[in-house]
Amino acid sequence: DYNILSKRGEKKIILVLNKIDLIPVQNALDWQKYLSREFGCVLFKANTQNQSSNLSQSTLFEKNLKEQKDYIEDVLKGNKAIGGEELLNMLKNYSRTDSGTKSNIVVGVVGIPNVGKSSIINSLTRGKNVGVSNTPGFTKGLQEVILDNNLRLLDCPGVVMSNDENSILHNVIRTEEIKEPIDVVAKIFKKMSQDYLLKTYELDLSLLKGSELTVEKILYLIGEKMKKYKRGGCVDLDKAARLVINDWNAGKLKYYTVPPGIDRKAYEEKLMMAESKKNKKMDIDN
């Protein structure tokens, strides 16, 4: 949020890149390097366990992040929180005064809806202290959590940027309330290749009988495969579109951006080459 970042002289700011399990590890590292030029930046993956207490954290992640990427890719697939120890250390450092004593600080956890703000707090406290949901707007008001004698966390409702034309892709509106779901899916499809979509949904192109692929025709194939029909047996494109939007919000459709000044095509080729080398090494080892 620009308004928050503009107050960096008045407030300490830490950027938390949550849900890093949804992007390539190298991409997370590159964004951390870029953002750390101005702010403290922590890579994070919130705990995904359903238990109400003793939520676990992986403390080995930070130690192996840059040296053993293969190892951390396995860690990211687990349900343990990652990045909590580093974030806690940063917060505790900010609570120390110049004289070495500790002061009381209040930390606001701010971001757009559904980025995992409440889950981050629960991961830090290792307990379900605030409610979580993948429904946008679930957190209605400020929720305060006492982390220790010197640290209080404020779970804030999601901030929606009114001038962001792509805000609908940030899961700020409930899927069932979207008026033109096909238009939203068209924006999603622009961000990924047709080959990727066909592979992800395992679509049968023979059903199109050689006709040119369009957003509506891809949705037709998805609706046919997922059995999303209207009365009378016709494929319901709106239902298929809402299914795609849900997949996008849940991270099933993988997409990531690259830091400014980097050519995306060359960047993707570099990541693909690294992935290919890793797979060849795994084949040799096996």
Protein backbone atom coordinates (compact mmCIF):
# COMPACT_ATOMS: atom_id res chain seq x y z
CA ASP A 1 0.00 0.00 0.00
CA TYR A 2 1.54 3.31 -1.11
CA ASN A 3 0.12 5.28 1.85
CA ILE A 4 1.81 2.92 4.30
CA LEU A 5 5.12 2.83 2.46
CA SER A 6 5.16 6.64 2.31
CA LYS A 7 5.27 6.72 6.12
CA ARG A 8 8.49 4.74 6.38
CA GLY A 9 10.17 7.68 8.14
CA GLU A 10 7.55 7.50 10.88
CA LYS A 11 7.03 3.75 11.07
CA LYS A 12 9.22 0.67 10.77
CA ILE A 13 8.11 -1.44 7.83
CA ILE A 14 8.70 -5.15 7.24
CA LEU A 15 7.52 -6.71 3.99
CA VAL A 16 6.30 -10.31 4.34
CA LEU A 17 6.10 -12.37 1.16
CA ASN A 18 3.55 -14.99 2.17
CA LYS A 19 2.48 -18.13 0.25
CA ILE A 20 5.93 -18.62 -1.25
CA ASP A 21 5.05 -22.27 -1.82
CA LEU A 22 2.97 -21.10 -4.80
CA ILE A 23 5.95 -19.75 -6.79
CA PRO A 24 9.40 -21.07 -7.78
CA VAL A 25 11.93 -20.83 -4.95
CA GLN A 26 14.34 -18.77 -7.07
CA ASN A 27 11.55 -16.31 -7.86
CA ALA A 28 10.92 -15.80 -4.13
CA LEU A 29 14.63 -15.24 -3.55
CA ASP A 30 14.86 -12.72 -6.39
CA TRP A 31 11.90 -10.72 -5.06
CA GLN A 32 13.39 -10.74 -1.57
CA LYS A 33 16.70 -9.44 -2.94
CA TYR A 34 14.93 -6.66 -4.84
CA LEU A 35 12.65 -5.55 -2.01
CA SER A 36 15.37 -5.74 0.63
CA ARG A 37 17.05 -2.76 -0.97
CA GLU A 38 14.60 -0.51 0.89
CA PHE A 39 12.82 -2.60 3.52
CA GLY A 40 13.25 -5.59 5.73
CA CYS A 41 11.79 -8.50 3.78
CA VAL A 42 10.88 -11.99 5.01
CA LEU A 43 9.89 -15.01 2.94
CA PHE A 44 6.96 -16.71 4.61
CA LYS A 45 4.64 -19.69 4.38
CA ALA A 46 1.94 -19.79 7.00
CA ASN A 47 1.16 -22.95 8.94
CA THR A 48 -1.51 -25.08 7.26
CA GLN A 49 -2.28 -27.47 10.09
CA ASN A 50 -5.85 -27.60 11.42
CA GLN A 51 -4.98 -28.21 15.06
CA SER A 52 -5.95 -25.43 17.48
CA SER A 53 -2.63 -25.18 19.28
CA ASN A 54 1.10 -25.95 19.02
CA LEU A 55 1.26 -25.03 15.37
CA SER A 56 4.66 -26.15 14.16
CA GLN A 57 7.38 -24.16 12.42
CA SER A 58 10.30 -25.20 10.26
CA THR A 59 13.35 -23.49 11.74
CA LEU A 60 15.73 -25.15 9.26
CA PHE A 61 14.29 -23.28 6.31
CA GLU A 62 16.22 -20.02 6.74
CA LYS A 63 19.49 -21.89 7.26
CA ASN A 64 19.16 -23.87 4.03
CA LEU A 65 17.33 -21.36 1.84
CA LYS A 66 20.19 -20.17 -0.32
CA GLU A 67 22.44 -23.23 -0.07
CA GLN A 68 20.07 -26.15 -0.59
CA LYS A 69 17.13 -25.21 -2.80
CA ASP A 70 16.19 -28.83 -3.46
CA TYR A 71 15.82 -29.39 0.28
CA ILE A 72 13.61 -26.36 0.84
CA GLU A 73 11.33 -27.29 -2.06
CA ASP A 74 10.49 -30.42 -0.06
CA VAL A 75 9.98 -28.34 3.11
CA LEU A 76 7.57 -26.03 1.28
CA LYS A 77 5.33 -29.00 0.48
CA GLY A 78 4.79 -29.65 4.20
CA ASN A 79 2.31 -27.99 6.55
CA LYS A 80 4.81 -26.25 8.83
CA ALA A 81 5.19 -22.49 9.00
CA ILE A 82 8.27 -21.04 7.35
CA GLY A 83 9.84 -17.66 8.05
CA GLY A 84 8.33 -17.22 11.51
CA GLU A 85 11.60 -17.30 13.40
CA GLU A 86 13.19 -14.64 11.19
CA LEU A 87 10.12 -12.38 11.40
CA LEU A 88 9.93 -12.71 15.18
CA ASN A 89 13.61 -11.77 15.49
CA MET A 90 13.02 -8.65 13.39
CA LEU A 91 10.06 -7.60 15.52
CA LYS A 92 11.96 -8.17 18.76
CA ASN A 93 14.87 -6.09 17.46
CA TYR A 94 12.48 -3.22 16.77
CA SER A 95 11.22 -3.40 20.35
CA ARG A 96 14.72 -2.71 21.71
CA THR A 97 15.62 0.90 22.43
CA ASP A 98 19.03 2.51 21.86
CA SER A 99 19.83 1.96 25.54
CA GLY A 100 19.24 -1.78 25.20
CA THR A 101 15.96 -1.92 27.10
CA LYS A 102 12.73 -3.25 25.58
CA SER A 103 9.79 -1.03 24.75
CA ASN A 104 6.21 -1.97 24.01
CA ILE A 105 5.35 -1.93 20.29
CA VAL A 106 2.16 -2.53 18.32
CA VAL A 107 2.53 -4.22 14.94
CA GLY A 108 -0.19 -3.78 12.33
CA VAL A 109 -0.50 -6.66 9.85
CA VAL A 110 -1.76 -4.94 6.70
CA GLY A 111 -2.42 -6.12 3.14
CA ILE A 112 -5.05 -6.79 0.50
CA PRO A 113 -7.76 -9.40 1.28
CA ASN A 114 -6.90 -13.09 1.43
CA VAL A 115 -3.09 -12.85 1.44
CA GLY A 116 -2.92 -14.78 4.71
CA LYS A 117 -2.60 -12.00 7.31
CA SER A 118 -4.51 -13.91 9.98
CA SER A 119 -2.63 -17.11 9.16
CA ILE A 120 0.70 -15.31 9.63
CA ILE A 121 -0.38 -14.20 13.10
CA ASN A 122 -1.50 -17.71 14.02
CA SER A 123 1.83 -19.07 12.77
CA LEU A 124 3.77 -16.58 14.92
CA THR A 125 1.75 -17.37 18.03
CA ARG A 126 1.60 -21.10 17.24
CA GLY A 127 -2.08 -21.18 17.97
CA LYS A 128 -5.44 -20.28 16.42
CA ASN A 129 -5.78 -16.87 18.00
CA VAL A 130 -7.61 -15.20 15.12
CA GLY A 131 -10.15 -16.65 12.73
CA VAL A 132 -9.04 -17.52 9.22
CA SER A 133 -10.94 -18.13 6.01
CA ASN A 134 -10.28 -18.10 2.27
CA THR A 135 -13.38 -15.91 1.94
CA PRO A 136 -12.49 -12.30 1.09
CA GLY A 137 -13.54 -9.84 3.78
CA PHE A 138 -13.62 -12.49 6.53
CA THR A 139 -11.75 -10.23 8.97
CA LYS A 140 -14.27 -7.45 9.69
CA GLY A 141 -12.49 -5.37 12.32
CA LEU A 142 -9.21 -5.05 14.19
CA GLN A 143 -8.26 -8.14 16.19
CA GLU A 144 -5.51 -7.75 18.77
CA VAL A 145 -3.19 -10.58 19.75
CA ILE A 146 -0.57 -10.33 22.49
CA LEU A 147 2.61 -12.01 21.29
CA ASP A 148 4.62 -11.36 24.46
CA ASN A 149 5.03 -8.65 27.08
CA ASN A 150 6.44 -6.22 24.53
CA LEU A 151 4.70 -7.17 21.29
CA ARG A 152 1.07 -6.79 20.28
CA LEU A 153 -0.19 -7.72 16.82
CA LEU A 154 -3.17 -6.13 15.10
CA ASP A 155 -4.92 -8.22 12.47
CA CYS A 156 -6.38 -5.64 10.09
CA PRO A 157 -9.19 -6.06 7.54
CA GLY A 158 -8.01 -6.34 3.93
CA VAL A 159 -7.18 -3.13 2.13
CA VAL A 160 -8.76 -2.77 -1.32
CA MET A 161 -7.13 -0.40 -3.82
CA SER A 162 -9.96 1.43 -5.58
CA ASN A 163 -7.82 2.38 -8.60
CA ASP A 164 -6.49 -1.13 -9.29
CA GLU A 165 -8.21 -2.47 -12.41
CA ASN A 166 -6.93 -5.97 -11.64
CA SER A 167 -8.12 -5.96 -8.03
CA ILE A 168 -10.78 -8.53 -8.91
CA LEU A 169 -7.92 -10.97 -9.53
CA HIS A 170 -6.76 -10.47 -5.92
CA ASN A 171 -9.77 -12.32 -4.51
CA VAL A 172 -11.35 -9.18 -3.06
CA ILE A 173 -14.83 -10.22 -4.22
CA ARG A 174 -16.57 -13.50 -3.46
CA THR A 175 -16.56 -15.64 -6.58
CA GLU A 176 -20.33 -16.12 -6.49
CA GLU A 177 -20.83 -12.32 -6.46
CA ILE A 178 -18.80 -11.63 -9.62
CA LYS A 179 -21.22 -10.37 -12.28
CA GLU A 180 -19.15 -11.16 -15.38
CA PRO A 181 -17.03 -14.22 -14.52
CA ILE A 182 -16.06 -14.88 -18.16
CA ASP A 183 -14.47 -11.42 -18.41
CA VAL A 184 -12.47 -12.16 -15.25
CA VAL A 185 -11.30 -15.49 -16.67
CA ALA A 186 -10.19 -13.68 -19.84
CA LYS A 187 -7.85 -11.58 -17.66
CA ILE A 188 -6.54 -14.73 -15.97
CA PHE A 189 -5.95 -16.53 -19.28
CA LYS A 190 -3.90 -13.57 -20.58
CA LYS A 191 -1.36 -14.30 -17.84
CA MET A 192 -0.63 -17.88 -18.90
CA SER A 193 -0.07 -19.87 -22.06
CA GLN A 194 -2.72 -22.01 -23.70
CA ASP A 195 -0.44 -25.04 -23.42
CA TYR A 196 -0.27 -24.57 -19.66
CA LEU A 197 -4.07 -24.33 -19.37
CA LEU A 198 -4.62 -27.39 -21.55
CA LYS A 199 -2.12 -29.39 -19.49
CA THR A 200 -3.46 -28.20 -16.11
CA TYR A 201 -7.06 -29.15 -16.91
CA GLU A 202 -6.14 -32.12 -19.14
CA LEU A 203 -8.46 -30.89 -21.87
CA ASP A 204 -9.42 -32.82 -25.01
CA LEU A 205 -8.96 -30.55 -28.02
CA SER A 206 -10.66 -33.04 -30.33
CA LEU A 207 -14.01 -31.81 -28.99
CA LEU A 208 -13.44 -28.50 -30.79
CA LYS A 209 -12.97 -30.23 -34.16
CA GLY A 210 -10.03 -28.04 -35.14
CA SER A 211 -11.65 -24.65 -34.47
CA GLU A 212 -9.55 -21.80 -33.05
CA LEU A 213 -9.16 -21.64 -29.29
CA THR A 214 -10.89 -18.77 -27.51
CA VAL A 215 -11.67 -18.05 -23.87
CA GLU A 216 -15.21 -19.31 -24.34
CA LYS A 217 -14.03 -22.51 -26.05
CA ILE A 218 -11.50 -23.28 -23.34
CA LEU A 219 -14.26 -22.74 -20.77
CA TYR A 220 -16.47 -25.05 -22.83
CA LEU A 221 -13.83 -27.78 -22.61
CA ILE A 222 -13.41 -27.22 -18.87
CA GLY A 223 -17.18 -27.25 -18.32
CA GLU A 224 -17.52 -30.44 -20.35
CA LYS A 225 -14.77 -32.14 -18.36
CA MET A 226 -16.08 -30.96 -14.98
CA LYS A 227 -19.71 -31.64 -15.94
CA LYS A 228 -20.91 -28.07 -15.45
CA TYR A 229 -24.21 -28.15 -17.36
CA LYS A 230 -27.34 -26.06 -17.65
CA ARG A 231 -30.78 -27.61 -17.83
CA GLY A 232 -31.04 -29.31 -21.16
CA GLY A 233 -27.43 -30.51 -21.20
CA CYS A 234 -25.61 -27.43 -22.51
CA VAL A 235 -22.29 -26.51 -20.92
CA ASP A 236 -22.70 -23.68 -18.38
CA LEU A 237 -19.84 -21.31 -19.22
CA ASP A 238 -20.51 -19.12 -16.18
CA LYS A 239 -20.13 -22.08 -13.81
CA ALA A 240 -16.98 -23.17 -15.61
CA ALA A 241 -15.63 -19.63 -15.33
CA ARG A 242 -16.31 -19.49 -11.57
CA LEU A 243 -14.52 -22.83 -11.19
CA VAL A 244 -11.46 -21.33 -12.94
CA ILE A 245 -11.60 -18.25 -10.71
CA ASN A 246 -11.69 -20.48 -7.62
CA ASP A 247 -8.68 -22.41 -8.94
CA TRP A 248 -6.85 -19.10 -9.50
CA ASN A 249 -7.62 -17.90 -5.96
CA ALA A 250 -6.56 -21.25 -4.46
CA GLY A 251 -3.23 -21.25 -6.31
CA LYS A 252 -3.99 -24.22 -8.55
CA LEU A 253 -3.23 -22.01 -11.55
CA LYS A 254 0.41 -21.06 -11.03
CA TYR A 255 1.46 -17.53 -11.89
CA TYR A 256 4.23 -15.26 -10.70
CA THR A 257 5.65 -11.86 -11.57
CA VAL A 258 9.32 -10.93 -11.92
CA PRO A 259 11.19 -8.04 -10.30
CA PRO A 260 11.35 -4.79 -12.34
CA GLY A 261 14.02 -4.56 -15.00
CA ILE A 262 14.01 -8.28 -15.81
CA ASP A 263 12.85 -9.77 -19.11
CA ARG A 264 10.15 -12.29 -18.20
CA LYS A 265 10.75 -14.61 -21.17
CA ALA A 266 14.49 -14.91 -20.48
CA TYR A 267 13.76 -15.30 -16.77
CA GLU A 268 11.33 -18.16 -17.35
CA GLU A 269 13.80 -19.89 -19.66
CA LYS A 270 16.45 -19.66 -16.94
CA LEU A 271 14.11 -21.19 -14.36
CA MET A 272 13.09 -23.94 -16.78
CA MET A 273 16.73 -24.80 -17.44
CA ALA A 274 17.41 -25.00 -13.70
CA GLU A 275 14.38 -27.24 -13.23
CA SER A 276 15.48 -29.45 -16.11
CA LYS A 277 18.97 -29.85 -14.62
CA LYS A 278 17.44 -30.73 -11.25
CA ASN A 279 15.20 -33.39 -12.83
CA LYS A 280 18.16 -34.90 -14.74
CA LYS A 281 20.16 -35.05 -11.51
CA MET A 282 17.26 -36.79 -9.77
CA ASP A 283 17.06 -39.36 -12.59
CA ILE A 284 20.81 -40.07 -12.31
CA ASP A 285 20.61 -40.38 -8.53
CA ASN A 286 17.73 -42.83 -8.83
